[in-house]
């Protein structure tokens, strides 16, 4: 897949936004599997729950665990894009991203290494002029539109630090949150 047409020019390098990266059927499969895991798999956070796959952080390094086959399918689909490579902190907001259902967002280069992100705790979002992917969304939104947040399930994948990544391991996190606009980049 040529990612060039999906690169967001209104955000620091590099962010790709691919609407409808997965099908409705694949989305249903992910949701079914997310909700059928045992309760101990969930970590409860403020206004969200989290499932970790691929490894558990430990003071002496990552304790690896196998990724379930239903999830490995989607990990492979993302890996086939060949986008991940191998962190300072800054705190100024540089952009917002609106993540639609079934979309894929790829964050790399400066956007991955130099910027933090956050999810604000709110029930509604107002589309602002800092929304870097507004013109890339499959639905049409306008600056000033108000969106009501609903439950969102996100699959996050990132390489495990050396030396484990040489074996192709990734750590995955599934996040269930009350949000439509999950990514506020802060530099």
Protein backbone atom coordinates (compact mmCIF):
# COMPACT_ATOMS: atom_id res chain seq x y z
CA UNK A 1 0.00 0.00 0.00
CA UNK A 2 1.37 3.42 -0.94
CA UNK A 3 0.87 5.54 2.17
CA UNK A 4 1.75 8.86 0.53
CA UNK A 5 -1.86 9.78 -0.21
CA UNK A 6 -2.76 9.14 3.45
CA UNK A 7 -0.09 11.41 4.96
CA UNK A 8 -1.50 14.36 6.90
CA UNK A 9 0.16 17.59 5.86
CA UNK A 10 -1.46 19.57 8.72
CA UNK A 11 0.46 17.68 11.43
CA UNK A 12 4.16 17.31 12.26
CA UNK A 13 5.85 14.48 10.37
CA UNK A 14 4.66 11.81 10.18
CA UNK A 15 1.00 10.93 10.58
CA UNK A 16 -0.97 8.74 8.18
CA UNK A 17 -4.75 8.45 8.42
CA UNK A 18 -6.45 5.64 6.51
CA UNK A 19 -10.25 5.70 6.73
CA UNK A 20 -11.97 2.29 6.62
CA UNK A 21 -8.70 0.40 7.05
CA UNK A 22 -10.74 -2.54 8.31
CA UNK A 23 -14.14 -3.68 7.12
CA UNK A 24 -17.35 -3.63 9.14
CA UNK A 25 -17.07 -7.42 9.43
CA UNK A 26 -13.50 -7.15 10.79
CA UNK A 27 -14.65 -4.46 13.22
CA UNK A 28 -17.43 -6.78 14.46
CA UNK A 29 -14.89 -9.60 14.90
CA UNK A 30 -12.58 -7.38 16.96
CA UNK A 31 -15.45 -6.13 19.14
CA UNK A 32 -16.73 -9.69 19.70
CA UNK A 33 -13.26 -10.85 20.79
CA UNK A 34 -12.60 -7.80 22.96
CA UNK A 35 -15.78 -8.34 24.94
CA UNK A 36 -15.37 -12.11 25.38
CA UNK A 37 -12.07 -12.00 27.31
CA UNK A 38 -12.16 -12.79 31.03
CA UNK A 39 -12.47 -9.84 33.43
CA UNK A 40 -8.89 -10.26 34.77
CA UNK A 41 -7.57 -9.33 31.29
CA UNK A 42 -8.98 -5.79 31.72
CA UNK A 43 -7.07 -3.05 33.53
CA UNK A 44 -9.50 -0.41 34.76
CA UNK A 45 -8.38 3.21 34.41
CA UNK A 46 -10.23 6.48 34.89
CA UNK A 47 -13.20 6.37 32.45
CA UNK A 48 -11.62 3.62 30.36
CA UNK A 49 -10.54 0.00 30.41
CA UNK A 50 -7.41 -1.49 28.86
CA UNK A 51 -6.29 -4.90 27.60
CA UNK A 52 -2.55 -5.49 27.01
CA UNK A 53 -1.24 -8.11 24.60
CA UNK A 54 2.27 -9.11 23.61
CA UNK A 55 4.02 -8.43 26.88
CA UNK A 56 3.84 -7.11 30.39
CA UNK A 57 6.24 -4.32 31.40
CA UNK A 58 8.66 -5.39 34.12
CA UNK A 59 11.57 -3.59 35.79
CA UNK A 60 14.03 -6.02 34.15
CA UNK A 61 12.42 -5.82 30.70
CA UNK A 62 9.28 -6.98 28.95
CA UNK A 63 7.78 -10.33 29.93
CA UNK A 64 6.61 -11.61 26.56
CA UNK A 65 3.26 -13.24 25.94
CA UNK A 66 1.80 -14.60 22.73
CA UNK A 67 -0.71 -12.44 20.91
CA UNK A 68 -4.03 -14.26 20.33
CA UNK A 69 -4.61 -15.42 16.74
CA UNK A 70 -7.67 -13.19 16.26
CA UNK A 71 -5.54 -10.15 17.08
CA UNK A 72 -2.43 -11.35 15.24
CA UNK A 73 -4.39 -11.06 11.98
CA UNK A 74 -4.71 -7.29 12.44
CA UNK A 75 -1.17 -6.91 13.75
CA UNK A 76 0.08 -8.59 10.56
CA UNK A 77 -2.07 -6.30 8.44
CA UNK A 78 -0.44 -3.27 10.06
CA UNK A 79 3.06 -4.81 9.94
CA UNK A 80 2.69 -5.34 6.18
CA UNK A 81 2.70 -1.55 5.79
CA UNK A 82 6.38 -1.50 6.95
CA UNK A 83 6.06 1.84 8.71
CA UNK A 84 7.60 1.36 12.15
CA UNK A 85 11.17 2.34 12.89
CA UNK A 86 12.80 3.12 15.99
CA UNK A 87 12.05 10.71 23.05
CA UNK A 88 12.01 14.08 24.10
CA UNK A 89 9.20 15.78 25.96
CA UNK A 90 7.51 19.01 25.01
CA UNK A 91 4.09 20.19 26.06
CA UNK A 92 2.51 22.45 23.43
CA UNK A 93 -0.55 21.23 21.57
CA UNK A 94 0.27 20.86 17.87
CA UNK A 95 -2.87 19.19 16.47
CA UNK A 96 -5.97 17.09 17.06
CA UNK A 97 -6.92 13.94 15.18
CA UNK A 98 -10.46 12.69 14.70
CA UNK A 99 -10.44 8.90 14.59
CA UNK A 100 -13.45 7.38 12.89
CA UNK A 101 -14.60 3.79 13.29
CA UNK A 102 -12.55 1.27 11.32
CA UNK A 103 -9.80 3.80 10.59
CA UNK A 104 -6.06 3.37 10.97
CA UNK A 105 -3.76 6.11 12.19
CA UNK A 106 0.02 5.61 11.88
CA UNK A 107 2.25 7.87 13.92
CA UNK A 108 5.99 7.86 13.19
CA UNK A 109 9.08 10.04 12.80
CA UNK A 110 8.94 13.30 14.78
CA UNK A 111 5.27 12.87 15.65
CA UNK A 112 6.09 9.51 17.29
CA UNK A 113 9.38 10.39 18.95
CA UNK A 114 8.96 14.06 19.91
CA UNK A 115 5.30 14.42 20.89
CA UNK A 116 3.10 13.14 23.67
CA UNK A 117 -0.62 12.51 23.28
CA UNK A 118 -3.62 12.74 25.53
CA UNK A 119 -7.31 11.98 25.62
CA UNK A 120 -9.36 14.66 27.29
CA UNK A 121 -12.09 13.58 29.67
CA UNK A 122 -15.28 14.95 28.12
CA UNK A 123 -18.58 13.75 26.66
CA UNK A 124 -18.55 16.02 23.58
CA UNK A 125 -15.92 17.35 21.19
CA UNK A 126 -16.06 20.45 19.06
CA UNK A 127 -14.15 20.12 15.80
CA UNK A 128 -11.48 22.82 15.76
CA UNK A 129 -9.16 24.23 13.14
CA UNK A 130 -6.33 22.18 14.73
CA UNK A 131 -7.92 18.90 13.52
CA UNK A 132 -5.13 17.74 11.18
CA UNK A 133 -7.14 15.04 9.38
CA UNK A 134 -10.46 16.85 8.95
CA UNK A 135 -10.26 16.67 5.14
CA UNK A 136 -9.15 13.01 5.22
CA UNK A 137 -12.13 11.63 7.13
CA UNK A 138 -14.60 9.40 5.28
CA UNK A 139 -17.52 11.40 6.71
CA UNK A 140 -17.59 15.14 6.22
CA UNK A 141 -17.18 17.29 9.29
CA UNK A 142 -16.78 21.04 9.60
CA UNK A 143 -14.95 23.23 12.08
CA UNK A 144 -17.45 23.98 14.84
CA UNK A 145 -19.34 20.66 14.57
CA UNK A 146 -20.04 19.06 17.95
CA UNK A 147 -19.62 15.29 18.25
CA UNK A 148 -21.02 13.24 21.11
CA UNK A 149 -18.53 10.69 22.32
CA UNK A 150 -19.43 7.00 22.27
CA UNK A 151 -17.56 3.87 23.24
CA UNK A 152 -14.45 3.47 21.11
CA UNK A 153 -12.21 0.42 20.94
CA UNK A 154 -8.67 1.09 19.75
CA UNK A 155 -5.90 -1.32 18.85
CA UNK A 156 -2.51 0.23 19.58
CA UNK A 157 0.63 -1.48 18.36
CA UNK A 158 4.25 -0.50 18.77
CA UNK A 159 7.61 -2.26 18.62
CA UNK A 160 9.15 -3.62 21.80
CA UNK A 161 12.53 -2.03 22.49
CA UNK A 162 15.76 -3.76 21.50
CA UNK A 163 16.72 -6.58 21.81
CA UNK A 164 13.28 -8.17 21.78
CA UNK A 165 12.10 -6.48 18.58
CA UNK A 166 14.64 -8.41 16.52
CA UNK A 167 12.37 -11.40 17.03
CA UNK A 168 9.42 -9.48 15.65
CA UNK A 169 7.53 -9.05 18.90
CA UNK A 170 5.12 -6.19 19.34
CA UNK A 171 3.22 -5.00 22.36
CA UNK A 172 -0.45 -4.35 21.76
CA UNK A 173 -2.96 -2.55 23.86
CA UNK A 174 -6.70 -2.53 23.35
CA UNK A 175 -8.32 0.51 24.86
CA UNK A 176 -12.04 0.93 25.40
CA UNK A 177 -12.80 4.58 26.02
CA UNK A 178 -15.71 6.98 25.90
CA UNK A 179 -14.35 9.09 23.06
CA UNK A 180 -14.61 10.06 19.41
CA UNK A 181 -11.55 12.28 19.32
CA UNK A 182 -8.88 10.20 21.02
CA UNK A 183 -5.67 11.88 20.02
CA UNK A 184 -4.51 15.31 21.06
CA UNK A 185 -0.83 15.60 20.18
CA UNK A 186 1.16 17.64 22.62
CA UNK A 187 4.68 18.62 21.82
